[in-house]
C-alpha atoms as a PDB file:
ATOM      1  CA  MET A   1      11.593  10.911   3.488  1.00  0.00           C
ATOM      2  CA  ALA A   2       9.417   8.702   1.608  1.00  0.00           C
ATOM      3  CA  ASN A   3       8.524   9.401  -2.509  1.00  0.00           C
ATOM      4  CA  VAL A   4       4.834   7.713  -3.212  1.00  0.00           C
ATOM      5  CA  THR A   5       4.431   7.604  -6.910  1.00  0.00           C
ATOM      6  CA  PHE A   6       0.386   7.414  -7.527  1.00  0.00           C
ATOM      7  CA  THR A   7      -0.303   6.568 -11.476  1.00  0.00           C
ATOM      8  CA  SER A   8      -3.734   5.564 -12.481  1.00  0.00           C
ATOM      9  CA  PRO A   9      -5.889   5.611 -15.844  1.00  0.00           C
ATOM     10  CA  ARG A  10      -8.051   7.947 -13.758  1.00  0.00           C
ATOM     11  CA  MET A  11      -5.510  10.868 -13.392  1.00  0.00           C
ATOM     12  CA  LYS A  12      -4.053  12.562 -15.839  1.00  0.00           C
ATOM     13  CA  LYS A  13      -0.830  12.439 -14.925  1.00  0.00           C
ATOM     14  CA  ASP A  14       1.425  10.555 -12.194  1.00  0.00           C
ATOM     15  CA  LEU A  15       2.102  12.021  -9.125  1.00  0.00           C
ATOM     16  CA  THR A  16       4.648  12.025  -6.621  1.00  0.00           C
ATOM     17  CA  VAL A  17       4.326  13.647  -2.952  1.00  0.00           C
ATOM     18  CA  TYR A  18       6.507  13.247   0.106  1.00  0.00           C
ATOM     19  CA  ALA A  19       5.123  11.490   2.673  1.00  0.00           C
ATOM     20  CA  VAL A  20       7.379  11.688   6.207  1.00  0.00           C
ATOM     21  CA  ALA A  21       8.771   8.154   7.604  1.00  0.00           C
ATOM     22  CA  GLY A  22       8.052   6.982  10.579  1.00  0.00           C
ATOM     23  CA  ASP A  23       4.954   8.430  11.142  1.00  0.00           C
ATOM     24  CA  THR A  24       1.752   6.029  12.027  1.00  0.00           C
ATOM     25  CA  ASN A  25      -0.147   7.448   8.158  1.00  0.00           C
ATOM     26  CA  THR A  26      -1.694   4.832   6.016  1.00  0.00           C
ATOM     27  CA  LEU A  27      -1.195   5.110   2.100  1.00  0.00           C
ATOM     28  CA  LEU A  28      -4.842   6.119   1.936  1.00  0.00           C
ATOM     29  CA  LYS A  29      -3.965   9.260   4.744  1.00  0.00           C
ATOM     30  CA  VAL A  30      -1.330  10.453   2.327  1.00  0.00           C
ATOM     31  CA  ALA A  31      -3.742   9.856  -0.821  1.00  0.00           C
ATOM     32  CA  GLN A  32      -6.643  12.279   0.658  1.00  0.00           C
ATOM     33  CA  GLU A  33      -4.158  14.831   2.223  1.00  0.00           C
ATOM     34  CA  HIS A  34      -3.030  15.148  -1.941  1.00  0.00           C
ATOM     35  CA  LYS A  35      -6.283  14.443  -3.143  1.00  0.00           C
ATOM     36  CA  VAL A  36      -5.619  11.390  -5.171  1.00  0.00           C
ATOM     37  CA  PRO A  37      -8.640   9.989  -6.708  1.00  0.00           C
ATOM     38  CA  LEU A  38      -8.645   6.421  -4.576  1.00  0.00           C
ATOM     39  CA  ASP A  39     -11.544   4.372  -3.664  1.00  0.00           C
ATOM     40  CA  PHE A  40     -12.757   3.974  -0.162  1.00  0.00           C
ATOM     41  CA  GLU A  41     -15.505   2.762   1.847  1.00  0.00           C
ATOM     42  CA  CYS A  42     -14.535   1.371   5.349  1.00  0.00           C
ATOM     43  CA  GLN A  43     -11.578   2.825   5.799  1.00  0.00           C
ATOM     44  CA  ASN A  44     -10.265  -0.208   8.641  1.00  0.00           C
ATOM     45  CA  GLY A  45      -9.072  -3.286   6.082  1.00  0.00           C
ATOM     46  CA  GLU A  46     -12.686  -4.981   5.887  1.00  0.00           C
ATOM     47  CA  CYS A  47     -14.279  -4.316   2.765  1.00  0.00           C
ATOM     48  CA  GLY A  48     -11.344  -4.208   0.262  1.00  0.00           C
ATOM     49  CA  SER A  49     -12.075  -1.180  -1.845  1.00  0.00           C
ATOM     50  CA  CYS A  50      -8.928   0.452  -0.918  1.00  0.00           C
ATOM     51  CA  LEU A  51      -6.981  -2.124  -2.910  1.00  0.00           C
ATOM     52  CA  LEU A  52      -4.162  -1.167  -4.885  1.00  0.00           C
ATOM     53  CA  GLN A  53      -0.768  -2.103  -6.026  1.00  0.00           C
ATOM     54  CA  VAL A  54       2.144  -1.233  -4.239  1.00  0.00           C
ATOM     55  CA  ALA A  55       5.470  -1.626  -5.907  1.00  0.00           C
ATOM     56  CA  VAL A  56       8.766  -0.746  -3.609  1.00  0.00           C
ATOM     57  CA  LEU A  57      11.251   1.386  -5.687  1.00  0.00           C
ATOM     58  CA  SER A  58      14.316   2.034  -3.760  1.00  0.00           C
ATOM     59  CA  LYS A  59      17.318  -0.300  -3.832  1.00  0.00           C
ATOM     60  CA  ASN A  60      17.046  -0.723   0.433  1.00  0.00           C
ATOM     61  CA  ALA A  61      15.252  -3.717   1.257  1.00  0.00           C
ATOM     62  CA  PRO A  62      11.553  -3.178   1.484  1.00  0.00           C
ATOM     63  CA  ALA A  63      10.227  -1.573   5.136  1.00  0.00           C
ATOM     64  CA  GLY A  64       6.594  -1.785   4.968  1.00  0.00           C
ATOM     65  CA  VAL A  65       5.736  -5.303   4.377  1.00  0.00           C
ATOM     66  CA  ALA A  66       3.635  -5.428   7.755  1.00  0.00           C
ATOM     67  CA  LEU A  67       0.406  -7.108   7.037  1.00  0.00           C
ATOM     68  CA  THR A  68      -2.607  -7.014   9.515  1.00  0.00           C
ATOM     69  CA  GLU A  69      -4.382  -9.384   9.846  1.00  0.00           C
ATOM     70  CA  LYS A  70      -7.900  -7.990   8.626  1.00  0.00           C
ATOM     71  CA  GLU A  71      -6.056  -6.955   5.728  1.00  0.00           C
ATOM     72  CA  LYS A  72      -4.437 -10.931   4.806  1.00  0.00           C
ATOM     73  CA  THR A  73      -8.063 -11.995   4.928  1.00  0.00           C
ATOM     74  CA  VAL A  74      -9.654  -9.617   2.917  1.00  0.00           C
ATOM     75  CA  LEU A  75      -6.558  -9.955   0.342  1.00  0.00           C
ATOM     76  CA  ARG A  76      -7.009 -13.633   0.408  1.00  0.00           C
ATOM     77  CA  TYR A  77     -10.747 -13.747  -0.100  1.00  0.00           C
ATOM     78  CA  ALA A  78     -10.401 -11.706  -3.348  1.00  0.00           C
ATOM     79  CA  GLY A  79      -7.795 -13.810  -4.675  1.00  0.00           C
ATOM     80  CA  LYS A  80      -4.766 -11.531  -4.802  1.00  0.00           C
ATOM     81  CA  ILE A  81      -2.525 -13.294  -1.938  1.00  0.00           C
ATOM     82  CA  THR A  82      -1.073 -16.546  -1.767  1.00  0.00           C
ATOM     83  CA  ALA A  83      -0.109 -18.460   1.870  1.00  0.00           C
ATOM     84  CA  GLN A  84       3.395 -18.419   0.601  1.00  0.00           C
ATOM     85  CA  GLN A  85       3.389 -14.618  -0.568  1.00  0.00           C
ATOM     86  CA  ILE A  86       1.881 -13.928   3.280  1.00  0.00           C
ATOM     87  CA  GLU A  87       4.888 -16.318   4.921  1.00  0.00           C
ATOM     88  CA  ASP A  88       7.147 -14.385   2.389  1.00  0.00           C
ATOM     89  CA  ALA A  89       5.930 -11.151   4.154  1.00  0.00           C
ATOM     90  CA  GLU A  90       6.253 -11.822   7.981  1.00  0.00           C
ATOM     91  CA  THR A  91       9.286 -14.302   7.746  1.00  0.00           C
ATOM     92  CA  ARG A  92      11.732 -12.925   4.699  1.00  0.00           C
ATOM     93  CA  ASP A  93      10.324  -9.556   4.264  1.00  0.00           C
ATOM     94  CA  ILE A  94       9.541  -9.937   0.576  1.00  0.00           C
ATOM     95  CA  PRO A  95       6.427  -7.653   0.616  1.00  0.00           C
ATOM     96  CA  PRO A  96       3.526  -8.583  -1.363  1.00  0.00           C
ATOM     97  CA  PRO A  97       2.221  -6.997  -4.548  1.00  0.00           C
ATOM     98  CA  TRP A  98      -1.173  -5.875  -3.620  1.00  0.00           C
ATOM     99  CA  ARG A  99      -2.317  -4.022  -0.098  1.00  0.00           C
ATOM    100  CA  LEU A 100      -4.806  -2.336   1.301  1.00  0.00           C
ATOM    101  CA  ALA A 101      -4.365   2.057   1.376  1.00  0.00           C
ATOM    102  CA  CYS A 102      -5.820   1.814   4.465  1.00  0.00           C
ATOM    103  CA  GLN A 103      -4.071  -0.879   6.171  1.00  0.00           C
ATOM    104  CA  PHE A 104      -0.711   0.033   4.340  1.00  0.00           C
ATOM    105  CA  ILE A 105       1.466   2.377   6.836  1.00  0.00           C
ATOM    106  CA  VAL A 106       4.411   4.246   4.476  1.00  0.00           C
ATOM    107  CA  ARG A 107       7.377   4.126   5.661  1.00  0.00           C
ATOM    108  CA  ASN A 108      10.831   5.045   4.664  1.00  0.00           C
ATOM    109  CA  GLU A 109      10.703   3.792   0.855  1.00  0.00           C
ATOM    110  CA  ASP A 110       9.978   5.564  -2.821  1.00  0.00           C
ATOM    111  CA  ILE A 111       7.238   3.421  -3.515  1.00  0.00           C
ATOM    112  CA  LEU A 112       5.177   3.146  -6.976  1.00  0.00           C
ATOM    113  CA  VAL A 113       0.848   3.122  -6.315  1.00  0.00           C
ATOM    114  CA  THR A 114      -1.247   1.585  -9.015  1.00  0.00           C
ATOM    115  CA  PHE A 115      -4.533   1.909  -8.990  1.00  0.00           C
END
């Protein structure tokens, strides 16, 4: 199980929910299931409307690092990721701070999601 904590000025208080580790649900799907008011439009990684910050809270090495090609393109275009951050994610498992909720697969790690 993973603890996912959502925080935003749009919410009265932070919300921590449990996500099933190993499931293929995206962070957007987890948010929708718990009525978290995340912005989204296309749901397929092309518009960037579900942009958010993800911080790993677990002491273990991050597990949800994989970036899709769509996510890399949108994050680069938005100025939220550098070529070095992409390389670090792909070769050293160092997650970038900005992600797309519709592309991020929740893994067995506790995360803080800021939007």
